[in-house]
Amino acid sequence: MFDGDVLSTQNFTFGNRGLLPLVLGLLLSFPADSSAQNTPGPTSPTALSGYMEVHYTNAELEDGQLDFHRFILLITHQFSDRIRFVSELELEHALVAGLEEAGELELEQAYLDFLLSRSFNVRAGMLLMPVGIINERHEPPVFYGVERPLVETVIIPTTWFEPGVGIHGEVGRGWRYRAYVTSPLNAARFSAEEGVRDGRQKGSRTNVGKAAATGRVEYVGVRGLTTGASFWAGSTGFEFRPRFDVPVRVVEADARYARARFEGRAQVAQVTIAGAGDLNDAIARTTGVNPNIARTLRGSYLEASYRVVSGARFGDVGTFVRYENVDTQFRMPAGYLPLQEFDRDAWVVGATYWPEPDIAVKFDYVHQRNRSAIVPAPHSFNIGLGWWF
């Protein structure tokens, strides 16, 4: 991690044709000497790290599923004391073959940092959006639960990354900030179930006719406490002809507190889509199906955790409980009714075992509900193995 800005994850998606040359080039770029590859010398300006996670999911009324969810390599290079490069290459679901249901090979972050001073620095390239807790810090050992919280999946569409440029730094005693100009979301891909998630352009021939703005402010001046607030704002209707404006606003606030063996987290997030009724009409004319997109989406969660065992020779053990509420149909445009199956809440209880600080074995049970009398919300038992190096 750098400057309190966690390593982000921005994504180019590569087609199958370019996959083999890319991977071969990546492998051949490292020294043949395995010791040099694994442990760069103290004077080496280039470093290799990464993280991985494997999930077993057994959802109610379904067969269990085992998935090598993520394999990530992080490559950094220090050009000088003032300029550094950070990149993150991610392979999801073990392979890339075919279309949407297969895995993805993505460049989740690739930026240059121009380190000018403690209070003012410039960053440019593929950037993680500084929105929420998980989007910038999502390595498996640092959060409880096999999967990321629902709020940071369907309200804040993690992992969320776009090309852009911006500034970051620390000011005063305990204040941090990040502010970027980036490519916008694409409203033509919004949905009732997952809100703006599929609208991420991910740096692949992105439309920047009207750039978006995003930023975050954090305060870490009280021992054990981190509070933050984030925003994102952009116009997203560029794909439609004739064009019309679809302004989207994302606002979020969060807090984390740790003392001794206890840790608590809280977060609330809201998405506002202006002109949602016109957006539904435009998509319906294009696809023949009305998507029933809401004008407001909202989510929140509370989490408490406790290290039951800490500092033992065999490792640490922690337990947690989390309550979440997510409603991607919170407020509807005039003439539309909400789909009740997308007003969801969940209780998640589980435990994590750390045999080493950078390795996490996770277990949890998700008791999920929705407000629909017809569409069920399946409960699930999950096991995860994650590590970073």
Protein backbone atom coordinates (compact mmCIF):
# COMPACT_ATOMS: atom_id res chain seq x y z
CA MET A 1 0.00 0.00 0.00
CA PHE A 2 1.22 3.52 -0.70
CA ASP A 3 0.60 6.88 1.01
CA GLY A 4 -2.49 5.50 2.73
CA ASP A 5 -3.92 5.11 -0.78
CA VAL A 6 -4.50 1.45 -1.07
CA LEU A 7 -3.50 -0.33 -4.24
CA SER A 8 -6.38 0.07 -6.58
CA THR A 9 -7.81 -2.05 -9.28
CA GLN A 10 -8.60 -0.68 -12.70
CA ASN A 11 -9.58 -2.87 -15.59
CA PHE A 12 -8.92 -3.27 -19.27
CA THR A 13 -10.62 -6.41 -20.57
CA PHE A 14 -8.57 -8.26 -23.21
CA GLY A 15 -9.97 -10.40 -25.97
CA ASN A 16 -8.87 -14.00 -26.40
CA ARG A 17 -6.56 -13.19 -29.29
CA GLY A 18 -4.38 -10.94 -27.19
CA LEU A 19 -4.27 -13.18 -24.14
CA LEU A 20 -1.40 -15.54 -25.05
CA PRO A 21 1.07 -12.87 -26.22
CA LEU A 22 0.26 -10.76 -23.16
CA VAL A 23 0.85 -13.55 -20.65
CA LEU A 24 4.01 -14.75 -22.43
CA GLY A 25 5.34 -11.22 -22.51
CA LEU A 26 4.62 -10.79 -18.81
CA LEU A 27 6.40 -14.02 -17.90
CA LEU A 28 9.40 -13.35 -20.12
CA SER A 29 9.83 -9.87 -18.66
CA PHE A 30 11.11 -11.29 -15.35
CA PRO A 31 14.62 -12.68 -14.77
CA ALA A 32 15.27 -16.38 -15.29
CA ASP A 33 16.94 -16.54 -11.86
CA SER A 34 14.12 -17.57 -9.53
CA SER A 35 15.78 -15.99 -6.51
CA ALA A 36 15.96 -12.66 -8.31
CA GLN A 37 12.33 -13.01 -9.32
CA ASN A 38 10.99 -13.79 -5.86
CA THR A 39 13.24 -11.57 -3.76
CA PRO A 40 14.38 -8.46 -5.61
CA GLY A 41 17.60 -7.01 -4.26
CA PRO A 42 17.44 -4.05 -1.93
CA THR A 43 18.41 -1.71 -4.76
CA SER A 44 15.92 -3.11 -7.27
CA PRO A 45 13.44 -0.43 -8.40
CA THR A 46 10.92 -3.07 -9.57
CA ALA A 47 8.84 -5.26 -7.27
CA LEU A 48 6.37 -8.11 -7.80
CA SER A 49 3.54 -8.93 -5.39
CA GLY A 50 -0.02 -10.20 -5.61
CA TYR A 51 -3.00 -11.85 -4.00
CA MET A 52 -5.33 -14.75 -4.76
CA GLU A 53 -8.64 -16.13 -3.49
CA VAL A 54 -10.54 -19.40 -3.91
CA HIS A 55 -14.23 -19.71 -2.97
CA TYR A 56 -16.56 -22.60 -2.25
CA THR A 57 -20.23 -21.56 -2.33
CA ASN A 58 -23.17 -23.76 -1.42
CA ALA A 59 -26.37 -21.82 -2.04
CA GLU A 60 -29.76 -23.13 -0.96
CA LEU A 61 -31.37 -25.51 -3.49
CA GLU A 62 -28.20 -25.50 -5.63
CA ASP A 63 -25.14 -27.71 -5.97
CA GLY A 64 -21.94 -26.46 -4.37
CA GLN A 65 -19.56 -24.49 -6.57
CA LEU A 66 -15.78 -24.19 -6.33
CA ASP A 67 -14.24 -21.17 -8.03
CA PHE A 68 -10.69 -19.83 -8.24
CA HIS A 69 -12.17 -16.38 -8.10
CA ARG A 70 -9.14 -14.13 -8.45
CA PHE A 71 -5.43 -14.37 -9.30
CA ILE A 72 -3.74 -10.97 -9.18
CA LEU A 73 -0.20 -9.84 -9.92
CA LEU A 74 0.95 -6.39 -8.85
CA ILE A 75 4.01 -4.90 -10.49
CA THR A 76 5.50 -1.64 -9.25
CA HIS A 77 8.48 0.34 -10.40
CA GLN A 78 10.23 3.28 -8.75
CA PHE A 79 11.67 5.54 -11.44
CA SER A 80 12.99 7.93 -8.80
CA ASP A 81 12.09 9.29 -5.39
CA ARG A 82 9.50 11.45 -7.14
CA ILE A 83 7.98 9.15 -9.77
CA ARG A 84 6.59 5.63 -9.38
CA PHE A 85 4.49 3.22 -11.42
CA VAL A 86 1.83 0.91 -9.95
CA SER A 87 -0.05 -1.79 -11.85
CA GLU A 88 -2.41 -4.65 -11.11
CA LEU A 89 -3.29 -7.45 -13.52
CA GLU A 90 -6.20 -9.69 -12.56
CA LEU A 91 -7.41 -13.03 -13.88
CA GLU A 92 -10.95 -13.85 -12.71
CA HIS A 93 -12.52 -17.32 -12.60
CA ALA A 94 -9.32 -19.11 -13.68
CA LEU A 95 -9.60 -18.81 -17.46
CA VAL A 96 -10.56 -16.59 -20.36
CA ALA A 97 -12.59 -18.42 -22.99
CA GLY A 98 -15.77 -17.22 -24.61
CA LEU A 99 -18.09 -14.42 -23.66
CA GLU A 100 -19.67 -12.98 -20.51
CA GLU A 101 -19.94 -16.15 -18.42
CA ALA A 102 -16.23 -16.95 -18.72
CA GLY A 103 -13.38 -15.37 -16.83
CA GLU A 104 -11.77 -12.04 -17.51
CA LEU A 105 -8.21 -10.84 -17.80
CA GLU A 106 -8.22 -7.25 -16.65
CA LEU A 107 -5.76 -4.46 -16.06
CA GLU A 108 -7.29 -3.14 -12.87
CA GLN A 109 -4.78 -0.41 -12.24
CA ALA A 110 -1.86 1.10 -14.10
CA TYR A 111 -0.86 4.61 -13.12
CA LEU A 112 2.04 6.95 -12.65
CA ASP A 113 2.40 8.85 -9.39
CA PHE A 114 4.24 12.17 -9.43
CA LEU A 115 5.14 12.69 -5.77
CA LEU A 116 5.59 16.41 -5.31
CA SER A 117 4.93 16.92 -1.61
CA ARG A 118 3.04 15.48 1.35
CA SER A 119 0.05 17.68 0.59
CA PHE A 120 -0.05 17.64 -3.23
CA ASN A 121 0.70 14.83 -5.68
CA VAL A 122 -0.47 14.02 -9.21
CA ARG A 123 -1.70 10.63 -10.39
CA ALA A 124 -2.57 9.59 -13.98
CA GLY A 125 -3.52 6.32 -15.67
CA MET A 126 -5.95 3.57 -14.77
CA LEU A 127 -7.35 4.51 -11.37
CA LEU A 128 -9.52 2.90 -8.74
CA MET A 129 -12.47 5.12 -7.89
CA PRO A 130 -11.92 6.40 -4.32
CA VAL A 131 -15.47 5.48 -3.27
CA GLY A 132 -16.24 3.42 -0.17
CA ILE A 133 -14.11 1.11 1.94
CA ILE A 134 -13.60 -2.01 -0.18
CA ASN A 135 -13.02 -0.57 -3.66
CA GLU A 136 -9.50 0.61 -2.83
CA ARG A 137 -8.67 -2.06 -0.24
CA HIS A 138 -10.00 -5.49 -1.12
CA GLU A 139 -7.19 -7.99 -0.50
CA PRO A 140 -8.75 -11.09 1.15
CA PRO A 141 -6.91 -10.99 4.52
CA VAL A 142 -8.07 -7.42 5.31
CA PHE A 143 -11.86 -7.89 5.40
CA TYR A 144 -14.26 -10.39 6.96
CA GLY A 145 -16.54 -12.59 4.86
CA VAL A 146 -15.90 -14.74 1.82
CA GLU A 147 -17.58 -12.28 -0.55
CA ARG A 148 -17.48 -8.51 -0.40
CA PRO A 149 -20.45 -6.75 1.23
CA LEU A 150 -23.57 -6.36 -0.93
CA VAL A 151 -23.46 -2.58 -0.49
CA GLU A 152 -20.03 -2.52 -2.12
CA THR A 153 -21.18 -4.77 -4.94
CA VAL A 154 -24.56 -3.51 -6.19
CA ILE A 155 -24.66 0.07 -4.86
CA ILE A 156 -20.94 0.85 -5.16
CA PRO A 157 -19.88 -1.33 -8.12
CA THR A 158 -16.56 -2.69 -6.87
CA THR A 159 -14.10 -3.25 -8.27
CA TRP A 160 -14.64 0.12 -9.97
CA PHE A 161 -11.83 1.55 -12.07
CA GLU A 162 -11.53 3.93 -15.01
CA PRO A 163 -8.75 5.87 -16.76
CA GLY A 164 -8.26 9.36 -15.43
CA VAL A 165 -6.06 11.95 -13.80
CA GLY A 166 -6.15 13.62 -10.43
CA ILE A 167 -4.49 14.72 -7.24
CA HIS A 168 -4.01 13.25 -3.77
CA GLY A 169 -2.25 14.02 -0.53
CA GLU A 170 -2.37 14.58 3.22
CA VAL A 171 -3.04 17.91 4.89
CA GLY A 172 -3.16 19.08 8.48
CA ARG A 173 -3.18 16.47 11.20
CA GLY A 174 -4.87 13.33 9.91
CA TRP A 175 -6.68 14.55 6.79
CA ARG A 176 -6.28 12.70 3.48
CA TYR A 177 -7.86 13.44 0.12
CA ARG A 178 -8.10 12.08 -3.41
CA ALA A 179 -9.82 13.83 -6.35
CA TYR A 180 -9.89 12.54 -9.93
CA VAL A 181 -11.39 13.32 -13.33
CA THR A 182 -12.26 10.06 -15.11
CA SER A 183 -14.38 8.49 -17.81
CA PRO A 184 -18.11 8.19 -16.94
CA LEU A 185 -20.49 5.28 -16.53
CA ASN A 186 -22.62 4.09 -19.46
CA ALA A 187 -26.35 4.37 -18.64
CA ALA A 188 -27.33 2.03 -21.50
CA ARG A 189 -26.09 -0.88 -19.35
CA PHE A 190 -27.84 -0.06 -16.07
CA SER A 191 -30.29 -2.61 -14.66
CA ALA A 192 -32.94 -3.07 -11.99
CA GLU A 193 -31.04 -5.80 -10.12
CA GLU A 194 -27.49 -4.43 -10.08
CA GLY A 195 -28.05 -0.73 -10.64
CA VAL A 196 -25.08 1.00 -12.29
CA ARG A 197 -22.67 -1.95 -11.98
CA ASP A 198 -22.67 -3.03 -15.63
CA GLY A 199 -22.22 0.59 -16.70
CA ARG A 200 -18.50 0.55 -15.85
CA GLN A 201 -16.48 1.20 -19.01
CA LYS A 202 -13.26 -0.26 -17.51
CA GLY A 203 -10.89 1.71 -19.73
CA SER A 204 -11.72 -0.14 -22.94
CA ARG A 205 -12.24 2.51 -25.67
CA THR A 206 -14.07 4.61 -23.11
CA ASN A 207 -16.29 7.51 -24.07
CA VAL A 208 -15.11 10.72 -22.42
CA GLY A 209 -17.31 13.25 -24.20
CA LYS A 210 -18.29 14.46 -20.74
CA ALA A 211 -15.82 13.48 -18.05
CA ALA A 212 -16.90 12.41 -14.57
CA ALA A 213 -15.55 13.68 -11.25
CA THR A 214 -14.92 11.66 -8.10
CA GLY A 215 -13.27 12.23 -4.77
CA ARG A 216 -12.82 11.13 -1.18
CA VAL A 217 -11.88 12.78 2.11
CA GLU A 218 -10.70 10.75 5.14
CA TYR A 219 -9.87 11.67 8.70
CA VAL A 220 -7.47 9.46 10.66
CA GLY A 221 -6.53 11.85 13.45
CA VAL A 222 -8.13 9.80 16.24
CA ARG A 223 -6.32 6.63 17.23
CA GLY A 224 -8.11 3.54 15.91
CA LEU A 225 -10.76 5.54 14.01
CA THR A 226 -11.02 6.16 10.27
CA THR A 227 -13.95 8.14 8.86
CA GLY A 228 -14.53 8.94 5.22
CA ALA A 229 -16.92 10.42 2.69
CA SER A 230 -16.90 9.86 -1.08
CA PHE A 231 -18.72 11.09 -4.17
CA TRP A 232 -18.93 10.40 -7.89
CA ALA A 233 -20.79 12.55 -10.43
CA GLY A 234 -21.09 12.24 -14.18
CA SER A 235 -23.31 12.33 -17.24
CA THR A 236 -23.98 8.82 -18.53
CA GLY A 237 -26.38 9.01 -21.50
CA PHE A 238 -23.80 9.27 -24.29
CA GLU A 239 -24.72 6.01 -26.08
CA PHE A 240 -28.28 6.98 -27.00
CA ARG A 241 -29.32 8.61 -30.29
CA PRO A 242 -30.59 11.24 -30.11
CA ARG A 243 -28.49 11.90 -27.01
CA PHE A 244 -30.06 12.97 -23.76
CA ASP A 245 -28.54 13.67 -20.40
CA VAL A 246 -28.63 11.04 -17.62
CA PRO A 247 -26.83 12.61 -14.65
CA VAL A 248 -25.74 10.11 -11.99
CA ARG A 249 -24.64 10.97 -8.46
CA VAL A 250 -23.07 8.55 -5.98
CA VAL A 251 -22.56 9.63 -2.36
CA GLU A 252 -21.16 7.53 0.47
CA ALA A 253 -20.03 7.79 4.08
CA ASP A 254 -18.24 5.22 6.21
CA ALA A 255 -16.46 4.68 9.51
CA ARG A 256 -14.07 2.06 10.89
CA TYR A 257 -13.01 1.72 14.49
CA ALA A 258 -10.52 -0.73 16.01
CA ARG A 259 -9.55 -1.09 19.65
CA ALA A 260 -7.62 -4.04 21.04
CA ARG A 261 -9.36 -7.12 19.57
CA PHE A 262 -12.58 -5.37 18.52
CA GLU A 263 -13.29 -3.80 15.15
CA GLY A 264 -16.47 -2.17 13.86
CA ARG A 265 -17.48 -0.91 10.42
CA ALA A 266 -20.45 1.12 9.19
CA GLN A 267 -21.35 2.42 5.77
CA VAL A 268 -24.23 4.06 3.91
CA ALA A 269 -24.32 4.72 0.15
CA GLN A 270 -26.83 6.15 -2.28
CA VAL A 271 -27.04 6.43 -6.08
CA THR A 272 -29.31 8.98 -7.77
CA ILE A 273 -30.18 8.62 -11.47
CA ALA A 274 -31.84 11.75 -12.86
CA GLY A 275 -34.16 11.13 -15.80
CA ALA A 276 -34.61 7.45 -14.93
CA GLY A 277 -38.02 7.37 -16.62
CA ASP A 278 -36.59 8.61 -19.93
CA LEU A 279 -33.72 6.15 -19.54
CA ASN A 280 -36.16 3.23 -19.15
CA ASP A 281 -38.05 4.35 -22.25
CA ALA A 282 -34.84 4.66 -24.31
CA ILE A 283 -33.58 1.20 -23.32
CA ALA A 284 -37.01 -0.33 -23.95
CA ARG A 285 -37.06 1.11 -27.48
CA THR A 286 -33.59 -0.32 -28.13
CA THR A 287 -33.95 -3.79 -26.57
CA GLY A 288 -37.69 -4.37 -26.48
CA VAL A 289 -37.56 -4.91 -22.69
CA ASN A 290 -38.23 -2.26 -20.07
CA PRO A 291 -35.38 -2.47 -17.50
CA ASN A 292 -37.35 -0.85 -14.61
CA ILE A 293 -34.35 1.17 -13.43
CA ALA A 294 -34.94 3.15 -10.25
CA ARG A 295 -34.20 6.83 -9.74
CA THR A 296 -32.64 6.16 -6.31
CA LEU A 297 -30.66 3.17 -5.03
CA ARG A 298 -29.63 2.89 -1.39
CA GLY A 299 -27.68 0.53 0.83
CA SER A 300 -26.07 0.34 4.26
CA TYR A 301 -24.37 -2.11 6.57
CA LEU A 302 -23.09 -2.51 10.12
CA GLU A 303 -20.36 -4.98 11.04
CA ALA A 304 -18.77 -6.01 14.33
CA SER A 305 -15.83 -8.38 14.69
CA TYR A 306 -13.69 -9.73 17.52
CA ARG A 307 -10.33 -11.53 17.55
CA VAL A 308 -11.11 -14.50 19.75
CA VAL A 309 -7.51 -15.71 19.53
CA SER A 310 -4.66 -13.26 19.00
CA GLY A 311 -0.91 -13.89 18.97
CA ALA A 312 -1.07 -17.66 19.38
CA ARG A 313 1.65 -19.87 17.86
CA PHE A 314 -0.89 -21.42 15.47
CA GLY A 315 -2.24 -18.02 14.34
CA ASP A 316 -5.24 -15.76 14.99
CA VAL A 317 -8.99 -16.45 14.92
CA GLY A 318 -11.69 -13.82 14.52
CA THR A 319 -15.48 -13.91 14.39
CA PHE A 320 -17.87 -11.37 12.90
CA VAL A 321 -21.51 -10.51 12.30
CA ARG A 322 -22.78 -8.14 9.62
CA TYR A 323 -26.22 -6.79 8.80
CA GLU A 324 -26.82 -5.37 5.32
CA ASN A 325 -29.73 -3.74 3.54
CA VAL A 326 -29.60 -3.08 -0.20
CA ASP A 327 -32.46 -1.73 -2.32
CA THR A 328 -31.81 -1.07 -6.00
CA GLN A 329 -35.47 -0.05 -6.36
CA PHE A 330 -35.59 2.40 -3.44
CA ARG A 331 -37.37 5.21 -5.30
CA MET A 332 -38.93 4.76 -8.73
CA PRO A 333 -39.66 7.26 -11.51
CA ALA A 334 -43.27 8.29 -12.03
CA GLY A 335 -45.41 5.46 -13.43
CA TYR A 336 -43.09 2.65 -12.31
CA LEU A 337 -43.50 0.14 -9.47
CA PRO A 338 -40.52 -1.35 -7.62
CA LEU A 339 -39.56 -4.99 -8.10
CA GLN A 340 -39.69 -6.28 -4.53
CA GLU A 341 -37.09 -9.03 -5.01
CA PHE A 342 -34.42 -6.33 -5.32
CA ASP A 343 -35.14 -4.90 -1.86
CA ARG A 344 -32.79 -7.24 0.01
CA ASP A 345 -31.28 -7.60 3.42
CA ALA A 346 -28.88 -10.15 4.85
CA TRP A 347 -27.37 -11.33 8.11
CA VAL A 348 -23.85 -12.67 7.63
CA VAL A 349 -22.07 -14.52 10.45
CA GLY A 350 -18.71 -16.22 10.21
CA ALA A 351 -15.11 -16.62 11.24
CA THR A 352 -11.62 -16.11 9.82
CA TYR A 353 -8.46 -18.05 10.68
CA TRP A 354 -5.09 -16.43 9.94
CA PRO A 355 -2.28 -19.05 10.15
CA GLU A 356 -0.07 -16.12 9.08
CA PRO A 357 -1.09 -12.45 8.88
CA ASP A 358 -1.14 -12.58 5.06
CA ILE A 359 -3.17 -15.81 4.75
CA ALA A 360 -6.89 -16.03 5.58
CA VAL A 361 -9.19 -19.07 5.77
CA LYS A 362 -12.78 -17.83 5.87
CA PHE A 363 -16.15 -19.36 6.73
CA ASP A 364 -19.55 -17.66 6.70
CA TYR A 365 -23.28 -18.27 6.52
CA VAL A 366 -25.51 -15.77 4.70
CA HIS A 367 -29.17 -15.56 5.70
CA GLN A 368 -30.69 -13.44 2.94
CA ARG A 369 -34.23 -12.13 2.55
CA ASN A 370 -36.18 -9.95 0.14
CA ARG A 371 -39.65 -8.40 0.09
CA SER A 372 -41.00 -10.54 -2.74
CA ALA A 373 -43.62 -13.17 -1.98
CA ILE A 374 -42.71 -15.01 -5.21
CA VAL A 375 -38.96 -14.84 -5.84
CA PRO A 376 -36.91 -16.44 -3.04
CA ALA A 377 -33.61 -15.13 -1.69
CA PRO A 378 -31.40 -18.21 -1.18
CA HIS A 379 -29.27 -18.59 1.93
CA SER A 380 -25.71 -19.85 1.47
CA PHE A 381 -22.73 -21.39 3.25
CA ASN A 382 -19.35 -20.24 1.99
CA ILE A 383 -15.68 -21.09 2.48
CA GLY A 384 -12.82 -18.97 1.22
CA LEU A 385 -9.03 -19.18 1.08
CA GLY A 386 -7.13 -15.98 0.36
CA TRP A 387 -3.55 -14.80 0.60
CA TRP A 388 -1.24 -12.03 -0.50
CA PHE A 389 2.51 -11.68 -0.74
